[in-house]
Amino acid sequence: MAEYHRQMESKRTELSHAIDLFYSEIGVVFQPLEAFCSSERRRYDPLSKRVEELEKTFARLMRQIAKG
C-alpha cells in the first residue's frame, strides 16, 4: 500500500504540474484578446452609457406622450 500511495502522489504531482502549465499557456494565448477587449470596452463605454441615457429619456417621453 505504501508503494501504491507513493506512486499515486507522484502521478498527482505530475498531473498538477501539467494542469498548471496548461492554464499558463492558455493565459498567454488569450492575453492579446483580453487586452483588445479591454481597449475596445474603454473606447465604447462612453457611447454605451450615452445610449442608455437616451433610452431612459425616450421611455420617459413616451410615457408623457401616452398620458397626453
PDB file of N, CA and C in Angstrom:
ATOM      1  N   MET A   1       0.826  -1.199   0.000  1.00  0.00           N
ATOM      2  CA  MET A   1       0.000   0.000   0.000  1.00  0.00           C
ATOM      3  C   MET A   1       0.870   1.263   0.000  1.00  0.00           C
ATOM      4  N   ALA A   2       1.959   1.209   0.740  1.00  0.00           N
ATOM      5  CA  ALA A   2       2.829   2.382   0.813  1.00  0.00           C
ATOM      6  C   ALA A   2       3.381   2.723  -0.565  1.00  0.00           C
ATOM      7  N   GLU A   3       3.759   1.686  -1.325  1.00  0.00           N
ATOM      8  CA  GLU A   3       4.281   1.918  -2.684  1.00  0.00           C
ATOM      9  C   GLU A   3       3.191   2.507  -3.585  1.00  0.00           C
ATOM     10  N   TYR A   4       1.997   1.984  -3.448  1.00  0.00           N
ATOM     11  CA  TYR A   4       0.864   2.500  -4.235  1.00  0.00           C
ATOM     12  C   TYR A   4       0.644   3.988  -3.927  1.00  0.00           C
ATOM     13  N   HIS A   5       0.625   4.357  -2.663  1.00  0.00           N
ATOM     14  CA  HIS A   5       0.431   5.754  -2.272  1.00  0.00           C
ATOM     15  C   HIS A   5       1.566   6.639  -2.788  1.00  0.00           C
ATOM     16  N   ARG A   6       2.784   6.129  -2.756  1.00  0.00           N
ATOM     17  CA  ARG A   6       3.921   6.887  -3.256  1.00  0.00           C
ATOM     18  C   ARG A   6       3.774   7.141  -4.759  1.00  0.00           C
ATOM     19  N   GLN A   7       3.378   6.111  -5.504  1.00  0.00           N
ATOM     20  CA  GLN A   7       3.204   6.254  -6.946  1.00  0.00           C
ATOM     21  C   GLN A   7       2.048   7.204  -7.274  1.00  0.00           C
ATOM     22  N   MET A   8       0.960   7.102  -6.522  1.00  0.00           N
ATOM     23  CA  MET A   8      -0.180   7.981  -6.759  1.00  0.00           C
ATOM     24  C   MET A   8       0.177   9.442  -6.451  1.00  0.00           C
ATOM     25  N   GLU A   9       0.953   9.655  -5.419  1.00  0.00           N
ATOM     26  CA  GLU A   9       1.397  11.007  -5.081  1.00  0.00           C
ATOM     27  C   GLU A   9       2.275  11.566  -6.193  1.00  0.00           C
ATOM     28  N   SER A  10       3.132  10.725  -6.735  1.00  0.00           N
ATOM     29  CA  SER A  10       3.991  11.145  -7.841  1.00  0.00           C
ATOM     30  C   SER A  10       3.147  11.514  -9.059  1.00  0.00           C
ATOM     31  N   LYS A  11       2.155  10.694  -9.370  1.00  0.00           N
ATOM     32  CA  LYS A  11       1.270  10.971 -10.514  1.00  0.00           C
ATOM     33  C   LYS A  11       0.433  12.227 -10.264  1.00  0.00           C
ATOM     34  N   ARG A  12      -0.002  12.427  -9.031  1.00  0.00           N
ATOM     35  CA  ARG A  12      -0.771  13.629  -8.698  1.00  0.00           C
ATOM     36  C   ARG A  12       0.082  14.866  -8.918  1.00  0.00           C
ATOM     37  N   THR A  13       1.335  14.795  -8.507  1.00  0.00           N
ATOM     38  CA  THR A  13       2.245  15.927  -8.685  1.00  0.00           C
ATOM     39  C   THR A  13       2.456  16.208 -10.164  1.00  0.00           C
ATOM     40  N   GLU A  14       2.677  15.152 -10.958  1.00  0.00           N
ATOM     41  CA  GLU A  14       2.842  15.317 -12.402  1.00  0.00           C
ATOM     42  C   GLU A  14       1.610  15.959 -13.028  1.00  0.00           C
ATOM     43  N   LEU A  15       0.450  15.459 -12.652  1.00  0.00           N
ATOM     44  CA  LEU A  15      -0.803  15.991 -13.196  1.00  0.00           C
ATOM     45  C   LEU A  15      -0.993  17.448 -12.799  1.00  0.00           C
ATOM     46  N   SER A  16      -0.684  17.760 -11.580  1.00  0.00           N
ATOM     47  CA  SER A  16      -0.801  19.137 -11.104  1.00  0.00           C
ATOM     48  C   SER A  16       0.097  20.070 -11.913  1.00  0.00           C
ATOM     49  N   HIS A  17       1.322  19.641 -12.178  1.00  0.00           N
ATOM     50  CA  HIS A  17       2.237  20.449 -12.980  1.00  0.00           C
ATOM     51  C   HIS A  17       1.708  20.608 -14.408  1.00  0.00           C
ATOM     52  N   ALA A  18       1.162  19.539 -14.968  1.00  0.00           N
ATOM     53  CA  ALA A  18       0.615  19.598 -16.326  1.00  0.00           C
ATOM     54  C   ALA A  18      -0.566  20.560 -16.386  1.00  0.00           C
ATOM     55  N   ILE A  19      -1.417  20.528 -15.391  1.00  0.00           N
ATOM     56  CA  ILE A  19      -2.569  21.434 -15.354  1.00  0.00           C
ATOM     57  C   ILE A  19      -2.103  22.879 -15.212  1.00  0.00           C
ATOM     58  N   ASP A  20      -1.144  23.128 -14.344  1.00  0.00           N
ATOM     59  CA  ASP A  20      -0.605  24.483 -14.188  1.00  0.00           C
ATOM     60  C   ASP A  20      -0.004  24.992 -15.491  1.00  0.00           C
ATOM     61  N   LEU A  21       0.732  24.141 -16.185  1.00  0.00           N
ATOM     62  CA  LEU A  21       1.331  24.522 -17.458  1.00  0.00           C
ATOM     63  C   LEU A  21       0.259  24.825 -18.495  1.00  0.00           C
ATOM     64  N   PHE A  22      -0.782  23.996 -18.545  1.00  0.00           N
ATOM     65  CA  PHE A  22      -1.887  24.208 -19.480  1.00  0.00           C
ATOM     66  C   PHE A  22      -2.523  25.574 -19.258  1.00  0.00           C
ATOM     67  N   TYR A  23      -2.868  25.889 -18.015  1.00  0.00           N
ATOM     68  CA  TYR A  23      -3.515  27.166 -17.738  1.00  0.00           C
ATOM     69  C   TYR A  23      -2.577  28.340 -18.007  1.00  0.00           C
ATOM     70  N   SER A  24      -1.302  28.153 -17.769  1.00  0.00           N
ATOM     71  CA  SER A  24      -0.330  29.191 -18.065  1.00  0.00           C
ATOM     72  C   SER A  24      -0.278  29.458 -19.567  1.00  0.00           C
ATOM     73  N   GLU A  25      -0.238  28.392 -20.366  1.00  0.00           N
ATOM     74  CA  GLU A  25      -0.206  28.535 -21.821  1.00  0.00           C
ATOM     75  C   GLU A  25      -1.499  29.153 -22.353  1.00  0.00           C
ATOM     76  N   ILE A  26      -2.623  28.748 -21.802  1.00  0.00           N
ATOM     77  CA  ILE A  26      -3.907  29.321 -22.226  1.00  0.00           C
ATOM     78  C   ILE A  26      -3.935  30.812 -21.911  1.00  0.00           C
ATOM     79  N   GLY A  27      -3.430  31.196 -20.753  1.00  0.00           N
ATOM     80  CA  GLY A  27      -3.380  32.607 -20.385  1.00  0.00           C
ATOM     81  C   GLY A  27      -2.566  33.419 -21.372  1.00  0.00           C
ATOM     82  N   VAL A  28      -1.444  32.863 -21.803  1.00  0.00           N
ATOM     83  CA  VAL A  28      -0.592  33.553 -22.779  1.00  0.00           C
ATOM     84  C   VAL A  28      -1.318  33.690 -24.112  1.00  0.00           C
ATOM     85  N   VAL A  29      -2.023  32.650 -24.517  1.00  0.00           N
ATOM     86  CA  VAL A  29      -2.730  32.671 -25.797  1.00  0.00           C
ATOM     87  C   VAL A  29      -3.846  33.720 -25.791  1.00  0.00           C
ATOM     88  N   PHE A  30      -4.576  33.813 -24.689  1.00  0.00           N
ATOM     89  CA  PHE A  30      -5.728  34.713 -24.645  1.00  0.00           C
ATOM     90  C   PHE A  30      -5.388  36.127 -24.178  1.00  0.00           C
ATOM     91  N   GLN A  31      -4.174  36.380 -23.735  1.00  0.00           N
ATOM     92  CA  GLN A  31      -3.804  37.706 -23.242  1.00  0.00           C
ATOM     93  C   GLN A  31      -4.015  38.801 -24.296  1.00  0.00           C
ATOM     94  N   PRO A  32      -3.605  38.597 -25.566  1.00  0.00           N
ATOM     95  CA  PRO A  32      -3.861  39.647 -26.563  1.00  0.00           C
ATOM     96  C   PRO A  32      -5.354  39.932 -26.758  1.00  0.00           C
ATOM     97  N   LEU A  33      -6.163  38.896 -26.723  1.00  0.00           N
ATOM     98  CA  LEU A  33      -7.611  39.090 -26.859  1.00  0.00           C
ATOM     99  C   LEU A  33      -8.161  39.862 -25.668  1.00  0.00           C
ATOM    100  N   GLU A  34      -7.694  39.535 -24.486  1.00  0.00           N
ATOM    101  CA  GLU A  34      -8.132  40.244 -23.282  1.00  0.00           C
ATOM    102  C   GLU A  34      -7.755  41.722 -23.365  1.00  0.00           C
ATOM    103  N   ALA A  35      -6.540  41.999 -23.827  1.00  0.00           N
ATOM    104  CA  ALA A  35      -6.089  43.391 -23.961  1.00  0.00           C
ATOM    105  C   ALA A  35      -6.930  44.128 -24.997  1.00  0.00           C
ATOM    106  N   PHE A  36      -7.231  43.472 -26.112  1.00  0.00           N
ATOM    107  CA  PHE A  36      -8.053  44.085 -27.157  1.00  0.00           C
ATOM    108  C   PHE A  36      -9.455  44.390 -26.629  1.00  0.00           C
ATOM    109  N   CYS A  37     -10.048  43.438 -25.943  1.00  0.00           N
ATOM    110  CA  CYS A  37     -11.401  43.631 -25.413  1.00  0.00           C
ATOM    111  C   CYS A  37     -11.430  44.769 -24.391  1.00  0.00           C
ATOM    112  N   SER A  38     -10.428  44.847 -23.551  1.00  0.00           N
ATOM    113  CA  SER A  38     -10.363  45.939 -22.571  1.00  0.00           C
ATOM    114  C   SER A  38     -10.254  47.282 -23.271  1.00  0.00           C
ATOM    115  N   SER A  39      -9.432  47.325 -24.292  1.00  0.00           N
ATOM    116  CA  SER A  39      -9.257  48.563 -25.056  1.00  0.00           C
ATOM    117  C   SER A  39     -10.560  48.983 -25.730  1.00  0.00           C
ATOM    118  N   GLU A  40     -11.232  48.033 -26.338  1.00  0.00           N
ATOM    119  CA  GLU A  40     -12.497  48.335 -27.011  1.00  0.00           C
ATOM    120  C   GLU A  40     -13.573  48.743 -26.010  1.00  0.00           C
ATOM    121  N   ARG A  41     -13.550  48.139 -24.833  1.00  0.00           N
ATOM    122  CA  ARG A  41     -14.516  48.492 -23.790  1.00  0.00           C
ATOM    123  C   ARG A  41     -14.334  49.950 -23.377  1.00  0.00           C
ATOM    124  N   ARG A  42     -13.071  50.345 -23.162  1.00  0.00           N
ATOM    125  CA  ARG A  42     -12.799  51.745 -22.806  1.00  0.00           C
ATOM    126  C   ARG A  42     -13.213  52.684 -23.922  1.00  0.00           C
ATOM    127  N   ARG A  43     -13.052  52.233 -25.129  1.00  0.00           N
ATOM    128  CA  ARG A  43     -13.391  53.064 -26.292  1.00  0.00           C
ATOM    129  C   ARG A  43     -14.901  53.263 -26.428  1.00  0.00           C
ATOM    130  N   TYR A  44     -15.663  52.193 -26.241  1.00  0.00           N
ATOM    131  CA  TYR A  44     -17.103  52.251 -26.494  1.00  0.00           C
ATOM    132  C   TYR A  44     -17.957  52.458 -25.245  1.00  0.00           C
ATOM    133  N   ASP A  45     -17.384  52.371 -24.072  1.00  0.00           N
ATOM    134  CA  ASP A  45     -18.160  52.522 -22.849  1.00  0.00           C
ATOM    135  C   ASP A  45     -18.894  53.865 -22.773  1.00  0.00           C
ATOM    136  N   PRO A  46     -18.248  54.979 -23.097  1.00  0.00           N
ATOM    137  CA  PRO A  46     -18.980  56.249 -23.054  1.00  0.00           C
ATOM    138  C   PRO A  46     -20.178  56.272 -24.008  1.00  0.00           C
ATOM    139  N   LEU A  47     -20.016  55.703 -25.190  1.00  0.00           N
ATOM    140  CA  LEU A  47     -21.134  55.656 -26.139  1.00  0.00           C
ATOM    141  C   LEU A  47     -22.263  54.774 -25.610  1.00  0.00           C
ATOM    142  N   SER A  48     -21.896  53.667 -25.023  1.00  0.00           N
ATOM    143  CA  SER A  48     -22.887  52.753 -24.467  1.00  0.00           C
ATOM    144  C   SER A  48     -23.684  53.426 -23.349  1.00  0.00           C
ATOM    145  N   LYS A  49     -22.985  54.143 -22.496  1.00  0.00           N
ATOM    146  CA  LYS A  49     -23.670  54.849 -21.414  1.00  0.00           C
ATOM    147  C   LYS A  49     -24.594  55.931 -21.967  1.00  0.00           C
ATOM    148  N   ARG A  50     -24.156  56.614 -23.010  1.00  0.00           N
ATOM    149  CA  ARG A  50     -25.000  57.652 -23.622  1.00  0.00           C
ATOM    150  C   ARG A  50     -26.254  57.039 -24.228  1.00  0.00           C
ATOM    151  N   VAL A  51     -26.117  55.885 -24.865  1.00  0.00           N
ATOM    152  CA  VAL A  51     -27.278  55.191 -25.427  1.00  0.00           C
ATOM    153  C   VAL A  51     -28.259  54.827 -24.317  1.00  0.00           C
ATOM    154  N   GLU A  52     -27.761  54.336 -23.192  1.00  0.00           N
ATOM    155  CA  GLU A  52     -28.634  54.006 -22.052  1.00  0.00           C
ATOM    156  C   GLU A  52     -29.373  55.243 -21.567  1.00  0.00           C
ATOM    157  N   GLU A  53     -28.671  56.363 -21.481  1.00  0.00           N
ATOM    158  CA  GLU A  53     -29.320  57.608 -21.054  1.00  0.00           C
ATOM    159  C   GLU A  53     -30.412  58.016 -22.034  1.00  0.00           C
ATOM    160  N   LEU A  54     -30.118  57.916 -23.322  1.00  0.00           N
ATOM    161  CA  LEU A  54     -31.126  58.276 -24.333  1.00  0.00           C
ATOM    162  C   LEU A  54     -32.327  57.344 -24.279  1.00  0.00           C
ATOM    163  N   GLU A  55     -32.089  56.056 -24.067  1.00  0.00           N
ATOM    164  CA  GLU A  55     -33.198  55.110 -23.961  1.00  0.00           C
ATOM    165  C   GLU A  55     -34.098  55.473 -22.786  1.00  0.00           C
ATOM    166  N   LYS A  56     -33.509  55.846 -21.662  1.00  0.00           N
ATOM    167  CA  LYS A  56     -34.305  56.256 -20.499  1.00  0.00           C
ATOM    168  C   LYS A  56     -35.092  57.522 -20.814  1.00  0.00           C
ATOM    169  N   THR A  57     -34.457  58.458 -21.492  1.00  0.00           N
ATOM    170  CA  THR A  57     -35.137  59.707 -21.851  1.00  0.00           C
ATOM    171  C   THR A  57     -36.305  59.419 -22.784  1.00  0.00           C
ATOM    172  N   PHE A  58     -36.071  58.588 -23.795  1.00  0.00           N
ATOM    173  CA  PHE A  58     -37.144  58.251 -24.736  1.00  0.00           C
ATOM    174  C   PHE A  58     -38.294  57.527 -24.046  1.00  0.00           C
ATOM    175  N   ALA A  59     -37.972  56.643 -23.116  1.00  0.00           N
ATOM    176  CA  ALA A  59     -39.025  55.938 -22.385  1.00  0.00           C
ATOM    177  C   ALA A  59     -39.842  56.927 -21.558  1.00  0.00           C
ATOM    178  N   ARG A  60     -39.173  57.865 -20.918  1.00  0.00           N
ATOM    179  CA  ARG A  60     -39.877  58.881 -20.132  1.00  0.00           C
ATOM    180  C   ARG A  60     -40.753  59.742 -21.036  1.00  0.00           C
ATOM    181  N   LEU A  61     -40.245  60.139 -22.185  1.00  0.00           N
ATOM    182  CA  LEU A  61     -41.028  60.952 -23.119  1.00  0.00           C
ATOM    183  C   LEU A  61     -42.226  60.180 -23.653  1.00  0.00           C
ATOM    184  N   MET A  62     -42.031  58.898 -23.924  1.00  0.00           N
ATOM    185  CA  MET A  62     -43.157  58.068 -24.415  1.00  0.00           C
ATOM    186  C   MET A  62     -44.250  57.981 -23.354  1.00  0.00           C
ATOM    187  N   ARG A  63     -43.879  57.871 -22.098  1.00  0.00           N
ATOM    188  CA  ARG A  63     -44.886  57.848 -21.023  1.00  0.00           C
ATOM    189  C   ARG A  63     -45.623  59.169 -20.960  1.00  0.00           C
ATOM    190  N   GLN A  64     -44.898  60.258 -21.103  1.00  0.00           N
ATOM    191  CA  GLN A  64     -45.530  61.582 -21.071  1.00  0.00           C
ATOM    192  C   GLN A  64     -46.476  61.754 -22.260  1.00  0.00           C
ATOM    193  N   ILE A  65     -46.067  61.305 -23.428  1.00  0.00           N
ATOM    194  CA  ILE A  65     -46.902  61.404 -24.614  1.00  0.00           C
ATOM    195  C   ILE A  65     -48.158  60.557 -24.453  1.00  0.00           C
ATOM    196  N   ALA A  66     -47.994  59.358 -23.874  1.00  0.00           N
ATOM    197  CA  ALA A  66     -49.121  58.454 -23.695  1.00  0.00           C
ATOM    198  C   ALA A  66     -50.146  59.034 -22.714  1.00  0.00           C
ATOM    199  N   LYS A  67     -49.678  59.807 -21.730  1.00  0.00           N
ATOM    200  CA  LYS A  67     -50.596  60.431 -20.780  1.00  0.00           C
ATOM    201  C   LYS A  67     -51.403  61.534 -21.447  1.00  0.00           C
ATOM    202  N   GLY A  68     -50.807  62.102 -22.501  1.00  0.00           N
ATOM    203  CA  GLY A  68     -51.493  63.097 -23.291  1.00  0.00           C
ATOM    204  C   GLY A  68     -51.424  64.414 -22.720  1.00  0.00           C
TER     205      GLY A  68
END
